[in-house]
Amino acid sequence: MRMWPSWANWKFWIKLVGLVFLVVFFWNYPPHVEVTWVGAYFALALGVGVILGWIADPILVRLIPSQKLDPTPYGDVRAAQVKRRPLIEALLLPGEDGLFLVPLLLVGIGPITAAIASVAYAAFHYPEFPVRHCVYKVVFLYLATTLILPNGLGSVIVGHLLMDAFAYYVWTRHASPQVTSQGDGH
C-alpha cells in the first residue's frame, strides 16, 4: 500500500495547490498568529476528540459497523510518513489549511460555508482515515472555522502544525518499536 507523498499521487499535488493558495493569501493579507488562539485550537482539537470519543463512538459503531475503531493502522501509516519525510510532511500540512480555509475566508465564514469546508476537509482525509475519524474532523473543523479562524489563519496553521506534532509524539511514544521503524513507502 503506497500512499503520498509521492510525485505521482494526487493528494501531494492538491496540497501543493493549497500552499500556493496560502502564499497568494499571505501576499495580500499579512499572517497573524496569536498564542491564545493557537492554544484554543489545540484545546478544541483535544476536547472534540475526547468528547466525541465518549459520546459519538458508541453511536457511530452502530451506524458504521464495518469501520474499525482501532486507529492503529492509520496512526502507523502517518507515523511512518512523518518519520520517513518529516520536512515534506511539515511543509505540506499547511497546504491542507490553504486548500480549504483560504477559499472559505474569501467567500466569507458563515454556517453553511463553514459546514461545506468542513465536510470537504474530512472527505479529503478519507479513506486515509476511517469514516468515524472523518466525522470528528467535520465537527472539529466546523468549530475551528467559526470560532478560531476569524482571529487569524496563521493561528489555525500553527495550531494544526503543533497538534499534528503532538499527535506524532504521543503516537511514537506509545507505539511498538516496529511501528515507528517501518517506512513502507509512505
Protein backbone atom coordinates (compact mmCIF):
# COMPACT_ATOMS: atom_id res chain seq x y z
CA MET A 1 0.00 0.00 0.00
CA ARG A 2 1.71 3.15 -1.20
CA MET A 3 0.38 6.50 -0.06
CA TRP A 4 1.51 10.09 -0.54
CA PRO A 5 3.79 11.94 -0.62
CA SER A 6 4.68 10.58 -3.99
CA TRP A 7 5.19 12.65 -7.11
CA ALA A 8 2.51 10.58 -8.82
CA ASN A 9 -0.06 10.93 -6.02
CA TRP A 10 -2.86 13.45 -6.40
CA LYS A 11 -3.02 14.41 -2.72
CA PHE A 12 0.58 15.58 -2.87
CA TRP A 13 -0.26 17.91 -5.75
CA ILE A 14 -3.51 19.11 -4.18
CA LYS A 15 -1.61 20.08 -1.03
CA LEU A 16 0.88 21.98 -3.18
CA VAL A 17 -2.08 23.87 -4.67
CA GLY A 18 -3.15 24.64 -1.10
CA LEU A 19 0.34 26.00 -0.39
CA VAL A 20 0.04 28.26 -3.43
CA PHE A 21 -3.30 29.48 -2.06
CA LEU A 22 -1.54 30.30 1.22
CA VAL A 23 1.31 32.16 -0.46
CA VAL A 24 -1.11 34.27 -2.51
CA PHE A 25 -3.33 34.87 0.52
CA PHE A 26 -0.44 35.89 2.77
CA TRP A 27 0.96 38.05 -0.02
CA ASN A 28 -2.23 40.11 0.18
CA TYR A 29 -3.01 39.74 3.89
CA PRO A 30 -0.12 39.57 6.34
CA PRO A 31 -0.03 36.45 8.53
CA HIS A 32 -1.37 36.95 12.02
CA VAL A 33 -0.66 34.49 14.83
CA GLU A 34 -1.87 34.84 18.39
CA VAL A 35 -0.70 32.38 21.03
CA THR A 36 -4.11 32.49 22.68
CA TRP A 37 -5.85 31.28 19.52
CA VAL A 38 -3.19 28.66 18.86
CA GLY A 39 -3.87 27.34 22.37
CA ALA A 40 -7.61 27.48 21.71
CA TYR A 41 -7.11 25.42 18.54
CA PHE A 42 -5.10 22.84 20.47
CA ALA A 43 -7.66 22.70 23.30
CA LEU A 44 -10.56 22.47 20.85
CA ALA A 45 -8.92 19.59 18.97
CA LEU A 46 -8.31 17.65 22.17
CA GLY A 47 -11.75 18.47 23.56
CA VAL A 48 -13.62 17.44 20.42
CA GLY A 49 -11.62 14.21 20.25
CA VAL A 50 -12.33 13.29 23.86
CA ILE A 51 -15.99 14.31 23.90
CA LEU A 52 -16.83 12.71 20.58
CA GLY A 53 -14.87 9.62 21.57
CA TRP A 54 -17.12 9.21 24.60
CA ILE A 55 -20.40 10.30 23.02
CA ALA A 56 -20.20 9.60 19.30
CA ASP A 57 -18.21 6.36 19.19
CA PRO A 58 -20.98 4.17 20.62
CA ILE A 59 -23.43 5.69 18.12
CA LEU A 60 -21.03 5.53 15.17
CA VAL A 61 -20.15 1.90 15.95
CA ARG A 62 -23.80 1.03 15.44
CA LEU A 63 -24.23 3.21 12.35
CA ILE A 64 -20.99 2.20 10.65
CA PRO A 65 -20.19 -1.32 11.90
CA SER A 66 -17.75 -2.07 9.09
CA GLN A 67 -15.40 0.69 10.24
CA LYS A 68 -12.97 -0.40 12.92
CA LEU A 69 -12.48 1.75 15.99
CA ASP A 70 -8.81 0.84 16.29
CA PRO A 71 -6.77 3.77 14.94
CA THR A 72 -3.54 1.73 14.91
CA PRO A 73 -3.24 1.16 11.14
CA TYR A 74 -3.90 4.82 10.38
CA GLY A 75 -1.57 6.07 13.10
CA ASP A 76 1.12 3.66 11.98
CA VAL A 77 0.90 4.92 8.40
CA ARG A 78 1.03 8.58 9.47
CA ALA A 79 3.94 7.95 11.84
CA ALA A 80 5.85 6.16 9.09
CA GLN A 81 5.19 9.03 6.69
CA VAL A 82 6.42 11.64 9.14
CA LYS A 83 9.46 9.59 10.11
CA ARG A 84 10.42 8.96 6.50
CA ARG A 85 9.92 12.52 5.22
CA PRO A 86 9.47 14.93 8.13
CA LEU A 87 10.24 18.10 6.18
CA ILE A 88 7.86 17.26 3.33
CA GLU A 89 5.12 16.38 5.82
CA ALA A 90 5.65 19.61 7.76
CA LEU A 91 5.60 21.69 4.58
CA LEU A 92 2.55 20.01 3.08
CA LEU A 93 0.44 20.15 6.24
CA PRO A 94 -0.34 23.88 5.86
CA GLY A 95 -1.38 23.05 2.28
CA GLU A 96 -4.46 21.34 3.72
CA ASP A 97 -5.36 24.54 5.54
CA GLY A 98 -4.71 26.64 2.46
CA LEU A 99 -6.80 24.40 0.24
CA PHE A 100 -9.90 24.55 2.41
CA LEU A 101 -9.60 27.66 4.54
CA VAL A 102 -8.37 30.28 2.08
CA PRO A 103 -11.44 29.84 -0.17
CA LEU A 104 -13.60 29.90 2.96
CA LEU A 105 -12.06 33.20 4.04
CA LEU A 106 -12.51 34.65 0.57
CA VAL A 107 -16.21 33.76 0.30
CA GLY A 108 -16.88 34.53 3.95
CA ILE A 109 -17.27 32.42 7.05
CA GLY A 110 -20.88 31.54 7.70
CA PRO A 111 -22.68 28.46 8.98
CA ILE A 112 -23.21 26.98 5.52
CA THR A 113 -19.80 27.83 4.07
CA ALA A 114 -18.06 26.55 7.23
CA ALA A 115 -20.05 23.32 7.00
CA ILE A 116 -19.14 22.86 3.33
CA ALA A 117 -15.44 23.47 4.03
CA SER A 118 -15.54 21.09 7.00
CA VAL A 119 -17.17 18.28 5.04
CA ALA A 120 -14.77 18.78 2.12
CA TYR A 121 -11.79 18.71 4.52
CA ALA A 122 -12.99 15.47 6.10
CA ALA A 123 -13.72 13.91 2.69
CA PHE A 124 -10.18 14.78 1.62
CA HIS A 125 -8.89 12.65 4.52
CA TYR A 126 -11.00 9.62 3.60
CA PRO A 127 -10.03 6.71 3.17
CA GLU A 128 -6.69 7.54 4.78
CA PHE A 129 -8.70 7.93 8.00
CA PRO A 130 -11.78 5.86 8.86
CA VAL A 131 -15.24 7.38 8.50
CA ARG A 132 -15.60 7.90 12.24
CA HIS A 133 -12.42 9.94 12.41
CA CYS A 134 -13.66 11.97 9.47
CA VAL A 135 -16.87 12.70 11.39
CA TYR A 136 -14.68 14.07 14.19
CA LYS A 137 -12.83 16.17 11.64
CA VAL A 138 -16.10 17.66 10.37
CA VAL A 139 -17.18 18.67 13.87
CA PHE A 140 -13.76 19.96 14.87
CA LEU A 141 -13.12 21.95 11.71
CA TYR A 142 -16.60 23.47 11.80
CA LEU A 143 -15.95 24.73 15.32
CA ALA A 144 -12.41 25.84 14.44
CA THR A 145 -13.56 27.76 11.36
CA THR A 146 -16.35 29.53 13.18
CA LEU A 147 -14.53 30.23 16.46
CA ILE A 148 -10.80 30.45 15.72
CA LEU A 149 -10.34 31.20 12.02
CA PRO A 150 -11.89 34.70 12.23
CA ASN A 151 -8.99 35.57 14.55
CA GLY A 152 -6.30 34.70 12.04
CA LEU A 153 -5.43 32.00 9.55
CA GLY A 154 -1.88 31.98 10.90
CA SER A 155 -3.12 30.85 14.32
CA VAL A 156 -5.00 27.96 12.73
CA ILE A 157 -1.97 26.87 10.72
CA VAL A 158 0.37 27.00 13.72
CA GLY A 159 -2.23 25.18 15.83
CA HIS A 160 -2.57 22.49 13.15
CA LEU A 161 1.20 22.02 12.97
CA LEU A 162 1.51 21.81 16.76
CA MET A 163 -1.43 19.43 17.07
CA ASP A 164 -0.04 17.06 14.47
CA ALA A 165 3.44 17.27 16.04
CA PHE A 166 1.87 16.42 19.41
CA ALA A 167 -0.08 13.52 17.87
CA TYR A 168 3.10 12.20 16.26
CA TYR A 169 4.99 12.48 19.54
CA VAL A 170 2.28 10.67 21.51
CA TRP A 171 1.87 8.02 18.82
CA THR A 172 5.57 7.21 18.60
CA ARG A 173 5.90 7.04 22.39
CA HIS A 174 3.04 4.55 22.70
CA ALA A 175 3.56 2.57 19.50
CA SER A 176 5.52 -0.62 19.31
CA PRO A 177 9.14 -0.25 18.10
CA GLN A 178 8.34 -2.00 14.83
CA VAL A 179 5.62 0.55 14.04
CA THR A 180 7.86 3.59 14.01
CA SER A 181 10.70 1.85 12.22
CA GLN A 182 8.58 0.76 9.25
CA GLY A 183 8.60 3.06 6.29
CA ASP A 184 6.80 1.02 3.67
CA GLY A 185 6.85 3.68 1.00
CA HIS A 186 4.63 6.19 2.73
